[in-house]
Amino acid sequence: MGDSVISDLLIGVPALLGSLCFLVAAVSMNRARDALTRINMLSVATGLGMMLFIVAAYVDDLTGGFRWSGLIMALVAFGATVVVTSVASITLARAAYRADPRLDPRTAYDDLSGVE
């Protein structure tokens, strides 16, 4: 196999897996019965899917040769993704919970209200 095929695989596979994360999350969110479950599924997709996209972008950047600035940008993007997806998920979940949504009857325990 040539270098081009290997680099295409190293770029394409993480990008496709990231896309698959978002697709699975979208289908799962459509099937979820309450807002809190939907937000929980979205947070996993954004966290893992975006990390895979960052890996694909970094490998694409490596095809032009190694640069320290590219590595630093990838590491900053990883850190920012962790922070932003965590804070966004918590903020969305709190807003949805405070709106007093109807929870799915299969929800066994509500940690925030303390009701079993």
N, C-alpha and C. Protein backbone atom coordinates (compact mmCIF):
# COMPACT_ATOMS: atom_id res chain seq x y z
N MET A 1 0.85 -1.18 0.00
CA MET A 1 0.00 0.00 0.00
C MET A 1 0.89 1.24 0.00
N GLY A 2 0.43 2.23 -0.72
CA GLY A 2 1.19 3.46 -0.79
C GLY A 2 0.93 4.35 0.42
N ASP A 3 1.78 5.36 0.53
CA ASP A 3 1.63 6.30 1.64
C ASP A 3 0.29 7.05 1.56
N SER A 4 -0.17 7.30 0.35
CA SER A 4 -1.42 8.03 0.18
C SER A 4 -2.61 7.24 0.71
N VAL A 5 -2.61 5.94 0.47
CA VAL A 5 -3.72 5.09 0.93
C VAL A 5 -3.72 5.01 2.45
N ILE A 6 -2.54 4.87 3.03
CA ILE A 6 -2.46 4.78 4.49
C ILE A 6 -2.89 6.09 5.13
N SER A 7 -2.45 7.22 4.60
CA SER A 7 -2.86 8.50 5.18
C SER A 7 -4.35 8.73 4.98
N ASP A 8 -4.89 8.29 3.84
CA ASP A 8 -6.33 8.42 3.63
C ASP A 8 -7.11 7.59 4.64
N LEU A 9 -6.60 6.39 4.95
CA LEU A 9 -7.26 5.55 5.96
C LEU A 9 -7.15 6.17 7.35
N LEU A 10 -5.98 6.71 7.67
CA LEU A 10 -5.79 7.32 9.00
C LEU A 10 -6.61 8.60 9.17
N ILE A 11 -6.99 9.21 8.07
CA ILE A 11 -7.86 10.39 8.14
C ILE A 11 -9.32 9.97 8.07
N GLY A 12 -9.62 9.06 7.15
CA GLY A 12 -11.01 8.69 6.89
C GLY A 12 -11.67 7.88 7.99
N VAL A 13 -10.92 6.94 8.58
CA VAL A 13 -11.53 6.08 9.60
C VAL A 13 -11.98 6.88 10.82
N PRO A 14 -11.14 7.75 11.42
CA PRO A 14 -11.65 8.53 12.56
C PRO A 14 -12.79 9.47 12.16
N ALA A 15 -12.72 10.02 10.95
CA ALA A 15 -13.81 10.91 10.51
C ALA A 15 -15.11 10.13 10.36
N LEU A 16 -15.05 8.94 9.79
CA LEU A 16 -16.26 8.12 9.65
C LEU A 16 -16.78 7.65 11.01
N LEU A 17 -15.87 7.28 11.91
CA LEU A 17 -16.31 6.87 13.25
C LEU A 17 -16.95 8.04 14.00
N GLY A 18 -16.39 9.24 13.83
CA GLY A 18 -16.99 10.42 14.45
C GLY A 18 -18.38 10.68 13.88
N SER A 19 -18.52 10.53 12.57
CA SER A 19 -19.83 10.69 11.95
C SER A 19 -20.80 9.63 12.44
N LEU A 20 -20.30 8.41 12.62
CA LEU A 20 -21.14 7.33 13.13
C LEU A 20 -21.61 7.62 14.55
N CYS A 21 -20.74 8.22 15.36
CA CYS A 21 -21.15 8.61 16.72
C CYS A 21 -22.34 9.57 16.68
N PHE A 22 -22.26 10.56 15.80
CA PHE A 22 -23.35 11.52 15.70
C PHE A 22 -24.62 10.87 15.13
N LEU A 23 -24.47 9.97 14.17
CA LEU A 23 -25.63 9.29 13.60
C LEU A 23 -26.33 8.43 14.64
N VAL A 24 -25.56 7.64 15.37
CA VAL A 24 -26.14 6.78 16.41
C VAL A 24 -26.81 7.63 17.49
N ALA A 25 -26.18 8.73 17.85
CA ALA A 25 -26.78 9.61 18.86
C ALA A 25 -28.08 10.22 18.35
N ALA A 26 -28.11 10.62 17.07
CA ALA A 26 -29.33 11.21 16.51
C ALA A 26 -30.47 10.20 16.50
N VAL A 27 -30.18 8.97 16.11
CA VAL A 27 -31.22 7.93 16.10
C VAL A 27 -31.66 7.64 17.53
N SER A 28 -30.72 7.53 18.44
CA SER A 28 -31.05 7.26 19.85
C SER A 28 -31.85 8.40 20.46
N MET A 29 -31.48 9.63 20.14
CA MET A 29 -32.22 10.77 20.68
C MET A 29 -33.65 10.77 20.16
N ASN A 30 -33.83 10.34 18.95
CA ASN A 30 -35.18 10.29 18.38
C ASN A 30 -36.04 9.25 19.10
N ARG A 31 -35.40 8.21 19.60
CA ARG A 31 -36.13 7.15 20.29
C ARG A 31 -36.30 7.40 21.78
N ALA A 32 -35.52 8.31 22.34
CA ALA A 32 -35.60 8.59 23.78
C ALA A 32 -36.94 9.22 24.12
N ARG A 33 -37.39 8.97 25.33
CA ARG A 33 -38.72 9.42 25.71
C ARG A 33 -38.75 10.66 26.60
N ASP A 34 -37.60 11.09 27.09
CA ASP A 34 -37.59 12.32 27.88
C ASP A 34 -36.37 13.16 27.56
N ALA A 35 -36.45 14.43 27.95
CA ALA A 35 -35.42 15.40 27.59
C ALA A 35 -34.07 15.08 28.22
N LEU A 36 -34.06 14.62 29.44
CA LEU A 36 -32.80 14.34 30.12
C LEU A 36 -32.04 13.20 29.45
N THR A 37 -32.75 12.20 28.99
CA THR A 37 -32.12 11.10 28.28
C THR A 37 -31.55 11.57 26.95
N ARG A 38 -32.27 12.44 26.27
CA ARG A 38 -31.78 12.98 24.99
C ARG A 38 -30.49 13.76 25.19
N ILE A 39 -30.45 14.57 26.22
CA ILE A 39 -29.25 15.36 26.48
C ILE A 39 -28.08 14.46 26.83
N ASN A 40 -28.34 13.40 27.58
CA ASN A 40 -27.28 12.46 27.93
C ASN A 40 -26.69 11.81 26.69
N MET A 41 -27.52 11.46 25.74
CA MET A 41 -27.04 10.86 24.49
C MET A 41 -26.27 11.87 23.65
N LEU A 42 -26.71 13.10 23.65
CA LEU A 42 -26.04 14.13 22.88
C LEU A 42 -24.64 14.40 23.42
N SER A 43 -24.48 14.39 24.72
CA SER A 43 -23.17 14.70 25.30
C SER A 43 -22.13 13.65 24.93
N VAL A 44 -22.51 12.40 24.85
CA VAL A 44 -21.57 11.36 24.44
C VAL A 44 -21.15 11.55 23.00
N ALA A 45 -22.10 11.87 22.14
CA ALA A 45 -21.78 12.05 20.71
C ALA A 45 -20.86 13.23 20.50
N THR A 46 -21.14 14.32 21.17
CA THR A 46 -20.29 15.49 20.97
C THR A 46 -18.90 15.27 21.54
N GLY A 47 -18.82 14.61 22.67
CA GLY A 47 -17.50 14.36 23.26
C GLY A 47 -16.65 13.43 22.42
N LEU A 48 -17.15 12.25 22.14
CA LEU A 48 -16.38 11.26 21.40
C LEU A 48 -16.28 11.62 19.92
N GLY A 49 -17.39 12.03 19.32
CA GLY A 49 -17.39 12.35 17.89
C GLY A 49 -16.46 13.49 17.55
N MET A 50 -16.48 14.54 18.35
CA MET A 50 -15.59 15.67 18.07
C MET A 50 -14.13 15.30 18.27
N MET A 51 -13.84 14.47 19.25
CA MET A 51 -12.45 14.03 19.45
C MET A 51 -11.96 13.26 18.22
N LEU A 52 -12.81 12.43 17.66
CA LEU A 52 -12.41 11.69 16.46
C LEU A 52 -12.21 12.62 15.27
N PHE A 53 -13.03 13.65 15.16
CA PHE A 53 -12.84 14.63 14.09
C PHE A 53 -11.53 15.39 14.27
N ILE A 54 -11.18 15.70 15.51
CA ILE A 54 -9.91 16.39 15.77
C ILE A 54 -8.73 15.50 15.39
N VAL A 55 -8.82 14.21 15.70
CA VAL A 55 -7.76 13.28 15.31
C VAL A 55 -7.63 13.25 13.79
N ALA A 56 -8.74 13.18 13.08
CA ALA A 56 -8.70 13.16 11.61
C ALA A 56 -8.09 14.45 11.07
N ALA A 57 -8.46 15.58 11.65
CA ALA A 57 -7.91 16.85 11.19
C ALA A 57 -6.41 16.94 11.47
N TYR A 58 -5.98 16.43 12.62
CA TYR A 58 -4.56 16.48 12.95
C TYR A 58 -3.75 15.58 12.02
N VAL A 59 -4.26 14.39 11.74
CA VAL A 59 -3.56 13.49 10.81
C VAL A 59 -3.50 14.12 9.42
N ASP A 60 -4.58 14.79 9.02
CA ASP A 60 -4.56 15.51 7.74
C ASP A 60 -3.49 16.60 7.75
N ASP A 61 -3.36 17.29 8.86
CA ASP A 61 -2.32 18.31 8.98
C ASP A 61 -0.92 17.69 8.93
N LEU A 62 -0.78 16.47 9.46
CA LEU A 62 0.52 15.78 9.45
C LEU A 62 0.96 15.38 8.05
N THR A 63 0.03 15.27 7.12
CA THR A 63 0.44 14.89 5.76
C THR A 63 1.33 15.94 5.13
N GLY A 64 1.26 17.17 5.63
CA GLY A 64 2.14 18.24 5.15
C GLY A 64 3.44 18.31 5.93
N GLY A 65 3.63 17.42 6.88
CA GLY A 65 4.83 17.42 7.71
C GLY A 65 4.50 17.82 9.14
N PHE A 66 5.34 17.35 10.07
CA PHE A 66 5.12 17.65 11.48
C PHE A 66 5.44 19.11 11.77
N ARG A 67 4.53 19.74 12.52
CA ARG A 67 4.76 21.10 13.02
C ARG A 67 4.31 21.14 14.47
N TRP A 68 5.08 21.79 15.29
CA TRP A 68 4.70 21.93 16.70
C TRP A 68 3.39 22.70 16.84
N SER A 69 3.17 23.69 16.00
CA SER A 69 1.95 24.48 16.10
C SER A 69 0.71 23.61 15.83
N GLY A 70 0.84 22.65 14.91
CA GLY A 70 -0.28 21.75 14.64
C GLY A 70 -0.59 20.86 15.83
N LEU A 71 0.47 20.37 16.49
CA LEU A 71 0.29 19.53 17.68
C LEU A 71 -0.34 20.34 18.81
N ILE A 72 0.13 21.55 19.01
CA ILE A 72 -0.42 22.40 20.07
C ILE A 72 -1.88 22.72 19.80
N MET A 73 -2.20 23.02 18.53
CA MET A 73 -3.60 23.31 18.19
C MET A 73 -4.49 22.09 18.44
N ALA A 74 -3.99 20.89 18.12
CA ALA A 74 -4.77 19.67 18.35
C ALA A 74 -4.99 19.45 19.85
N LEU A 75 -3.94 19.65 20.65
CA LEU A 75 -4.08 19.47 22.10
C LEU A 75 -5.02 20.50 22.71
N VAL A 76 -4.94 21.75 22.24
CA VAL A 76 -5.87 22.78 22.73
C VAL A 76 -7.30 22.43 22.32
N ALA A 77 -7.46 21.92 21.10
CA ALA A 77 -8.80 21.53 20.64
C ALA A 77 -9.35 20.38 21.48
N PHE A 78 -8.50 19.41 21.84
CA PHE A 78 -8.93 18.33 22.72
C PHE A 78 -9.39 18.87 24.07
N GLY A 79 -8.57 19.72 24.66
CA GLY A 79 -8.93 20.30 25.96
C GLY A 79 -10.20 21.13 25.90
N ALA A 80 -10.31 21.94 24.86
CA ALA A 80 -11.51 22.78 24.71
C ALA A 80 -12.75 21.92 24.49
N THR A 81 -12.60 20.84 23.75
CA THR A 81 -13.74 19.95 23.52
C THR A 81 -14.22 19.33 24.82
N VAL A 82 -13.29 18.89 25.65
CA VAL A 82 -13.67 18.31 26.94
C VAL A 82 -14.41 19.33 27.79
N VAL A 83 -13.87 20.53 27.87
CA VAL A 83 -14.49 21.57 28.71
C VAL A 83 -15.84 22.00 28.15
N VAL A 84 -15.87 22.30 26.87
CA VAL A 84 -17.10 22.83 26.27
C VAL A 84 -18.22 21.80 26.28
N THR A 85 -17.92 20.54 25.91
CA THR A 85 -19.00 19.54 25.91
C THR A 85 -19.50 19.24 27.31
N SER A 86 -18.60 19.24 28.28
CA SER A 86 -19.03 19.00 29.66
C SER A 86 -19.92 20.12 30.18
N VAL A 87 -19.45 21.34 30.01
CA VAL A 87 -20.23 22.48 30.50
C VAL A 87 -21.56 22.62 29.75
N ALA A 88 -21.52 22.42 28.44
CA ALA A 88 -22.76 22.52 27.66
C ALA A 88 -23.76 21.45 28.06
N SER A 89 -23.30 20.23 28.27
CA SER A 89 -24.21 19.16 28.66
C SER A 89 -24.83 19.42 30.03
N ILE A 90 -24.01 19.87 30.96
CA ILE A 90 -24.53 20.16 32.29
C ILE A 90 -25.53 21.32 32.24
N THR A 91 -25.21 22.35 31.47
CA THR A 91 -26.10 23.50 31.36
C THR A 91 -27.43 23.11 30.72
N LEU A 92 -27.37 22.35 29.63
CA LEU A 92 -28.61 21.90 28.99
C LEU A 92 -29.43 21.00 29.91
N ALA A 93 -28.77 20.10 30.61
CA ALA A 93 -29.49 19.20 31.51
C ALA A 93 -30.15 19.97 32.66
N ARG A 94 -29.45 20.95 33.21
CA ARG A 94 -30.05 21.75 34.29
C ARG A 94 -31.25 22.54 33.79
N ALA A 95 -31.12 23.13 32.61
CA ALA A 95 -32.23 23.89 32.04
C ALA A 95 -33.43 22.98 31.78
N ALA A 96 -33.16 21.80 31.25
CA ALA A 96 -34.26 20.86 30.98
C ALA A 96 -34.90 20.39 32.29
N TYR A 97 -34.08 20.15 33.30
CA TYR A 97 -34.63 19.69 34.58
C TYR A 97 -35.45 20.77 35.26
N ARG A 98 -34.97 22.01 35.19
CA ARG A 98 -35.70 23.11 35.83
C ARG A 98 -37.01 23.44 35.12
N ALA A 99 -37.12 23.03 33.86
CA ALA A 99 -38.38 23.22 33.13
C ALA A 99 -39.42 22.21 33.58
N ASP A 100 -39.04 21.33 34.49
CA ASP A 100 -39.92 20.31 35.07
C ASP A 100 -40.54 19.42 34.00
N PRO A 101 -39.67 18.73 33.26
CA PRO A 101 -40.20 17.88 32.19
C PRO A 101 -40.82 16.60 32.74
N ARG A 102 -41.62 15.97 31.93
CA ARG A 102 -42.17 14.67 32.29
C ARG A 102 -41.07 13.65 32.06
N LEU A 103 -40.70 12.93 33.13
CA LEU A 103 -39.66 11.91 33.01
C LEU A 103 -40.27 10.61 32.54
N ASP A 104 -39.49 9.85 31.84
CA ASP A 104 -39.91 8.53 31.39
C ASP A 104 -40.17 7.66 32.62
N PRO A 105 -41.25 6.89 32.63
CA PRO A 105 -41.53 6.03 33.79
C PRO A 105 -40.43 5.01 34.06
N ARG A 106 -39.61 4.71 33.05
CA ARG A 106 -38.51 3.76 33.25
C ARG A 106 -37.35 4.39 34.00
N THR A 107 -37.39 5.70 34.23
CA THR A 107 -36.35 6.35 35.01
C THR A 107 -36.53 5.93 36.45
N ALA A 108 -35.58 5.17 36.96
CA ALA A 108 -35.75 4.54 38.27
C ALA A 108 -35.51 5.51 39.42
N TYR A 109 -34.59 6.47 39.24
CA TYR A 109 -34.23 7.32 40.36
C TYR A 109 -33.88 8.70 39.85
N ASP A 110 -34.40 9.70 40.50
CA ASP A 110 -34.13 11.09 40.14
C ASP A 110 -33.15 11.65 41.17
N ASP A 111 -31.88 11.72 40.84
CA ASP A 111 -30.84 12.15 41.78
C ASP A 111 -31.08 13.56 42.31
N LEU A 112 -31.57 14.45 41.45
CA LEU A 112 -31.69 15.85 41.87
C LEU A 112 -32.84 16.07 42.83
N SER A 113 -33.92 15.33 42.69
CA SER A 113 -35.05 15.54 43.60
C SER A 113 -34.96 14.66 44.83
N GLY A 114 -34.18 13.58 44.76
CA GLY A 114 -34.05 12.67 45.89
C GLY A 114 -35.22 11.72 46.01
N VAL A 115 -36.10 11.67 45.03
CA VAL A 115 -37.27 10.81 45.06
C VAL A 115 -36.95 9.52 44.34
N GLU A 116 -37.28 8.38 44.98
CA GLU A 116 -37.05 7.08 44.32
C GLU A 116 -38.31 6.62 43.65
